[in-house]
Amino acid sequence: MNIQEYFGRISYNKPHKDADLQTLTAIFQHHIQAIPFENLSMHCGEPIELDLQSTYNKIVRKKRGGWCLESNHLLFWALQELGYDICILGGNSYEPAERAYTAEMNHILLKVVIQGNSYIVDAAFGGAYQMWQPLRLISGKDQPQVPGIFRFMEDNGTWYFEKVKRKHYIPEQSETPYFTDTPGVGNIRKIYRFTLEPRHINDFQELNKYLQVSPDNILQKKSLCSLQTTEGLIALVGWTLTEMKYNYTEDTDLVHITTLTDEEVEKTLKDKFNIVLENKLVP
């Protein structure tokens, strides 16, 4: 495994001598714009191994993406190689349908300490809840970024991560363009909760196995592939391609939705996500 090869994969060619916030932010942004958040292996009959060499070969050499257990683990390795003070944390994602956080830890995120300040770095939540820059670990402070306003709330040692939602303008919905998520009181989307207890990748081995066989989790039900762009994001869920442009007009994101055929799915993965699969995808 070679840091220069990783940099080639994310198209990063700037200096990286200093383990500072500026370098961290630049590497992070290259990572999220080059490496898709995807679970396509599960829908291609490929097992997902949770060890660094397998993840490195898949994402760096085969130019694939991965889910949080893979993508954030790879980023953890890269930042550690560069001398950052970094550790793995475990999160419980929020399930809107259940109106509750998952009972079991099901997400990996990273904490980086720079000059005494702690930052949360998470390159693999995917979709519209993906941060674009490291976020300072402070409770109750709004941290605006291009995707929206993020914030952490701390309560008795548990941290809650959330985002203020924007309106969505979807021209394709009907003759009259359609708005969703009209901002108003309580327009907060909960994302996940976590504690600052350091974790090891092996703490997630059972989860990795479970997610690949459990029929009721979202990753089994749907094939997902999302990638951040310079203006917003693109996401392929099953046969549905969504392209989003952030802040198209004030406090409104522009959303285009297209339904693809089987043939178009493969072409779209190649053209828009730079992914060529070895096995047949069943969306």
Protein backbone atom coordinates (compact mmCIF):
# COMPACT_ATOMS: atom_id res chain seq x y z
CA MET A 1 0.00 0.00 0.00
CA ASN A 2 1.43 3.29 -1.09
CA ILE A 3 0.34 6.82 -0.17
CA GLN A 4 1.31 8.17 -3.60
CA GLU A 5 -0.89 5.57 -5.26
CA TYR A 6 -3.77 6.66 -3.00
CA PHE A 7 -3.11 10.30 -3.97
CA GLY A 8 -3.23 9.26 -7.63
CA ARG A 9 -6.60 7.59 -7.01
CA ILE A 10 -8.06 10.80 -5.55
CA SER A 11 -6.20 13.11 -7.99
CA TYR A 12 -4.39 14.93 -5.19
CA ASN A 13 -1.03 16.45 -6.09
CA LYS A 14 -0.50 19.29 -3.62
CA PRO A 15 2.08 19.45 -0.83
CA HIS A 16 1.34 17.35 2.25
CA LYS A 17 4.33 17.91 4.51
CA ASP A 18 2.30 19.50 7.28
CA ALA A 19 -0.41 17.55 9.09
CA ASP A 20 -2.50 20.73 9.29
CA LEU A 21 -6.19 21.55 8.80
CA GLN A 22 -5.69 23.01 5.31
CA THR A 23 -4.05 19.81 4.03
CA LEU A 24 -6.65 17.64 5.78
CA THR A 25 -9.49 19.61 4.16
CA ALA A 26 -7.94 19.38 0.68
CA ILE A 27 -7.31 15.60 0.92
CA PHE A 28 -10.81 15.07 2.34
CA GLN A 29 -12.47 16.96 -0.53
CA HIS A 30 -10.49 15.04 -3.14
CA HIS A 31 -11.48 11.79 -1.43
CA ILE A 32 -15.24 12.46 -1.42
CA GLN A 33 -15.20 13.67 -5.05
CA ALA A 34 -13.25 10.63 -6.30
CA ILE A 35 -14.43 7.70 -4.17
CA PRO A 36 -18.16 6.92 -4.35
CA PHE A 37 -20.15 5.78 -1.36
CA GLU A 38 -21.45 2.46 -2.74
CA ASN A 39 -22.64 -1.01 -1.78
CA LEU A 40 -22.56 -2.51 -5.29
CA SER A 41 -20.52 -5.52 -4.16
CA MET A 42 -23.56 -6.73 -2.21
CA HIS A 43 -25.61 -6.66 -5.41
CA CYS A 44 -22.91 -8.29 -7.54
CA GLY A 45 -22.35 -11.35 -5.37
CA GLU A 46 -18.94 -10.12 -4.15
CA PRO A 47 -18.05 -10.58 -0.47
CA ILE A 48 -16.80 -7.47 1.35
CA GLU A 49 -13.71 -8.18 3.43
CA LEU A 50 -13.00 -5.76 6.25
CA ASP A 51 -9.22 -5.65 6.18
CA LEU A 52 -7.11 -2.76 4.98
CA GLN A 53 -5.35 -4.63 2.16
CA SER A 54 -8.66 -5.78 0.62
CA THR A 55 -10.14 -2.29 0.95
CA TYR A 56 -7.03 -0.71 -0.55
CA ASN A 57 -7.03 -3.10 -3.52
CA LYS A 58 -10.74 -2.54 -4.14
CA ILE A 59 -10.84 1.26 -3.86
CA VAL A 60 -7.35 2.33 -4.95
CA ARG A 61 -6.35 -0.35 -7.49
CA LYS A 62 -9.76 -1.40 -8.88
CA LYS A 63 -11.06 2.19 -8.71
CA ARG A 64 -14.21 1.22 -6.87
CA GLY A 65 -15.97 2.97 -4.00
CA GLY A 66 -17.11 1.48 -0.73
CA TRP A 67 -19.40 1.94 2.24
CA CYS A 68 -18.37 3.67 5.48
CA LEU A 69 -16.50 0.64 6.87
CA GLU A 70 -14.27 0.68 3.79
CA SER A 71 -13.98 4.31 2.71
CA ASN A 72 -13.41 5.80 6.17
CA HIS A 73 -11.00 2.97 7.05
CA LEU A 74 -8.94 3.79 3.95
CA LEU A 75 -8.97 7.50 4.84
CA PHE A 76 -7.93 6.61 8.41
CA TRP A 77 -4.91 4.73 7.04
CA ALA A 78 -3.93 7.59 4.69
CA LEU A 79 -4.17 10.29 7.36
CA GLN A 80 -2.27 8.14 9.85
CA GLU A 81 0.48 7.68 7.25
CA LEU A 82 0.66 11.48 6.95
CA GLY A 83 1.18 11.87 10.69
CA TYR A 84 -2.26 13.02 11.82
CA ASP A 85 -3.41 12.38 15.40
CA ILE A 86 -6.44 10.30 14.44
CA CYS A 87 -8.76 7.66 15.85
CA ILE A 88 -11.79 5.66 14.71
CA LEU A 89 -15.16 6.27 16.40
CA GLY A 90 -18.41 4.30 16.14
CA GLY A 91 -21.81 5.81 15.37
CA ASN A 92 -25.48 4.80 15.45
CA SER A 93 -27.37 6.14 12.44
CA TYR A 94 -30.82 7.71 12.73
CA GLU A 95 -33.69 5.79 11.12
CA PRO A 96 -36.38 8.32 10.11
CA ALA A 97 -39.01 5.59 9.65
CA GLU A 98 -38.44 4.36 13.21
CA ARG A 99 -37.86 7.85 14.59
CA ALA A 100 -34.95 6.41 16.55
CA TYR A 101 -31.23 5.73 16.42
CA THR A 102 -30.15 2.16 15.73
CA ALA A 103 -29.52 0.12 18.86
CA GLU A 104 -26.29 -1.30 17.43
CA MET A 105 -23.27 0.69 16.29
CA ASN A 106 -23.44 0.71 12.48
CA HIS A 107 -21.21 3.53 11.26
CA ILE A 108 -17.51 4.42 11.31
CA LEU A 109 -16.33 8.01 11.58
CA LEU A 110 -12.97 9.58 12.38
CA LYS A 111 -11.74 12.10 14.93
CA VAL A 112 -8.64 14.14 14.13
CA VAL A 113 -6.90 16.40 16.65
CA ILE A 114 -4.97 19.37 15.26
CA GLN A 115 -3.27 21.87 17.59
CA GLY A 116 -5.53 20.82 20.46
CA ASN A 117 -8.76 21.15 18.45
CA SER A 118 -10.85 18.08 17.64
CA TYR A 119 -12.47 17.63 14.22
CA ILE A 120 -14.90 15.02 12.97
CA VAL A 121 -14.00 13.64 9.55
CA ASP A 122 -16.51 11.38 7.80
CA ALA A 123 -16.05 10.68 4.09
CA ALA A 124 -18.72 8.02 3.82
CA PHE A 125 -22.20 8.91 4.90
CA GLY A 126 -23.04 9.55 1.27
CA GLY A 127 -25.88 11.42 -0.40
CA ALA A 128 -27.10 14.79 0.82
CA TYR A 129 -25.88 14.26 4.40
CA GLN A 130 -22.21 14.12 3.41
CA MET A 131 -20.06 16.84 5.01
CA TRP A 132 -17.70 18.55 2.58
CA GLN A 133 -15.08 19.67 5.12
CA PRO A 134 -13.90 18.46 8.52
CA LEU A 135 -16.25 19.74 11.23
CA ARG A 136 -15.02 21.19 14.51
CA LEU A 137 -16.25 19.11 17.43
CA ILE A 138 -18.18 21.81 19.31
CA SER A 139 -21.66 21.40 20.78
CA GLY A 140 -24.47 23.68 19.58
CA LYS A 141 -22.50 25.67 16.99
CA ASP A 142 -23.89 26.03 13.45
CA GLN A 143 -21.21 25.12 10.87
CA PRO A 144 -22.37 26.20 7.39
CA GLN A 145 -20.94 24.37 4.38
CA VAL A 146 -22.02 24.14 0.73
CA PRO A 147 -24.33 21.12 1.39
CA GLY A 148 -26.07 22.98 4.26
CA ILE A 149 -25.68 23.84 7.92
CA PHE A 150 -24.28 21.05 10.09
CA ARG A 151 -24.09 20.96 13.87
CA PHE A 152 -23.21 18.72 16.80
CA MET A 153 -25.16 18.59 20.04
CA GLU A 154 -23.58 16.95 23.08
CA ASP A 155 -25.57 15.44 25.93
CA ASN A 156 -23.91 13.60 28.78
CA GLY A 157 -21.02 12.26 26.68
CA THR A 158 -23.14 11.34 23.65
CA TRP A 159 -22.77 13.50 20.56
CA TYR A 160 -25.59 14.02 18.04
CA PHE A 161 -24.85 15.01 14.44
CA GLU A 162 -27.53 16.83 12.44
CA LYS A 163 -28.13 19.00 9.39
CA VAL A 164 -30.60 21.80 8.60
CA LYS A 165 -32.59 20.75 5.54
CA ARG A 166 -33.12 22.87 2.43
CA LYS A 167 -36.01 22.92 -0.01
CA HIS A 168 -35.73 20.73 -3.12
CA TYR A 169 -36.84 22.02 -6.50
CA ILE A 170 -37.68 19.08 -8.79
CA PRO A 171 -38.66 20.30 -12.30
CA GLU A 172 -39.57 16.79 -13.56
CA GLN A 173 -42.24 16.06 -10.94
CA SER A 174 -45.22 17.50 -12.84
CA GLU A 175 -46.38 20.45 -14.95
CA THR A 176 -46.02 22.53 -11.82
CA PRO A 177 -42.49 22.17 -10.42
CA TYR A 178 -42.47 20.40 -7.10
CA PHE A 179 -40.93 21.53 -3.83
CA THR A 180 -40.13 19.12 -1.02
CA ASP A 181 -38.86 19.67 2.49
CA THR A 182 -40.18 23.18 2.96
CA PRO A 183 -37.98 24.59 5.71
CA GLY A 184 -39.81 25.58 8.83
CA VAL A 185 -39.68 25.06 12.55
CA GLY A 186 -37.95 21.82 13.46
CA ASN A 187 -36.46 21.42 10.02
CA ILE A 188 -33.53 19.43 11.36
CA ARG A 189 -32.48 16.08 9.92
CA LYS A 190 -30.84 13.88 12.54
CA ILE A 191 -27.95 11.90 10.99
CA TYR A 192 -26.26 9.83 13.71
CA ARG A 193 -25.07 9.81 17.31
CA PHE A 194 -21.65 8.74 18.61
CA THR A 195 -19.37 8.76 21.62
CA LEU A 196 -15.67 9.62 21.76
CA GLU A 197 -14.63 6.11 22.79
CA PRO A 198 -11.82 5.07 20.41
CA ARG A 199 -12.62 2.00 18.31
CA HIS A 200 -10.64 -0.51 16.26
CA ILE A 201 -11.65 -1.79 12.84
CA ASN A 202 -12.10 -5.25 14.37
CA ASP A 203 -14.97 -3.85 16.46
CA PHE A 204 -16.91 -3.71 13.16
CA GLN A 205 -16.19 -7.22 11.82
CA GLU A 206 -19.50 -8.64 13.09
CA LEU A 207 -21.38 -5.67 11.65
CA ASN A 208 -19.67 -6.14 8.29
CA LYS A 209 -20.78 -9.79 8.18
CA TYR A 210 -24.28 -9.02 9.45
CA LEU A 211 -25.00 -6.24 6.93
CA GLN A 212 -24.15 -8.60 4.06
CA VAL A 213 -26.68 -11.24 5.12
CA SER A 214 -29.45 -9.36 6.96
CA PRO A 215 -32.42 -8.94 4.58
CA ASP A 216 -34.00 -6.02 6.46
CA ASN A 217 -31.22 -3.45 6.21
CA ILE A 218 -31.37 -0.75 3.54
CA LEU A 219 -28.02 -1.82 2.05
CA GLN A 220 -29.48 -5.24 1.20
CA LYS A 221 -32.72 -3.82 -0.17
CA LYS A 222 -31.21 -1.24 -2.53
CA SER A 223 -28.07 -0.87 -4.62
CA LEU A 224 -26.59 2.55 -3.81
CA CYS A 225 -23.86 4.63 -5.40
CA SER A 226 -23.40 8.31 -4.60
CA LEU A 227 -20.58 10.74 -5.30
CA GLN A 228 -20.04 14.36 -4.32
CA THR A 229 -19.37 16.75 -7.21
CA THR A 230 -18.02 20.31 -7.26
CA GLU A 231 -21.60 21.65 -7.22
CA GLY A 232 -23.63 19.00 -5.43
CA LEU A 233 -23.95 15.26 -5.80
CA ILE A 234 -25.02 12.43 -8.05
CA ALA A 235 -26.67 9.28 -6.73
CA LEU A 236 -27.82 6.06 -8.33
CA VAL A 237 -30.29 4.12 -6.16
CA GLY A 238 -31.56 1.02 -7.97
CA TRP A 239 -32.55 2.36 -11.41
CA THR A 240 -33.09 5.95 -10.23
CA LEU A 241 -30.42 8.56 -10.99
CA THR A 242 -30.63 11.75 -8.93
CA GLU A 243 -28.45 14.78 -9.72
CA MET A 244 -28.47 17.57 -7.18
CA LYS A 245 -27.07 21.09 -7.40
CA TYR A 246 -26.73 22.73 -3.99
CA ASN A 247 -28.16 26.21 -3.36
CA TYR A 248 -29.43 26.58 -6.91
CA THR A 249 -31.47 29.51 -5.62
CA GLU A 250 -31.55 30.81 -2.07
CA ASP A 251 -32.02 27.93 0.37
CA THR A 252 -33.14 25.61 -2.45
CA ASP A 253 -31.33 22.68 -4.08
CA LEU A 254 -32.08 21.79 -7.70
CA VAL A 255 -32.86 18.09 -8.14
CA HIS A 256 -33.10 16.17 -11.43
CA ILE A 257 -34.46 12.61 -11.28
CA THR A 258 -34.17 10.09 -14.13
CA THR A 259 -35.25 6.43 -14.28
CA LEU A 260 -32.72 4.29 -16.14
CA THR A 261 -32.94 1.04 -18.08
CA ASP A 262 -30.67 -1.93 -17.21
CA GLU A 263 -28.31 -1.01 -20.06
CA GLU A 264 -28.14 2.61 -18.93
CA VAL A 265 -27.26 1.61 -15.34
CA GLU A 266 -23.94 0.07 -16.42
CA LYS A 267 -23.12 3.01 -18.72
CA THR A 268 -24.01 5.55 -16.03
CA LEU A 269 -21.78 3.82 -13.48
CA LYS A 270 -18.89 4.08 -15.94
CA ASP A 271 -19.55 7.60 -17.23
CA LYS A 272 -20.60 9.37 -14.05
CA PHE A 273 -18.96 7.36 -11.26
CA ASN A 274 -15.94 5.92 -13.11
CA ILE A 275 -16.91 2.41 -11.92
CA VAL A 276 -16.55 -0.71 -14.03
CA LEU A 277 -17.86 -3.80 -12.25
CA GLU A 278 -16.33 -7.25 -12.66
CA ASN A 279 -19.62 -9.04 -12.01
CA LYS A 280 -23.19 -8.46 -13.13
CA LEU A 281 -25.07 -5.92 -11.02
CA VAL A 282 -28.63 -6.73 -10.00
CA PRO A 283 -29.99 -3.30 -8.94
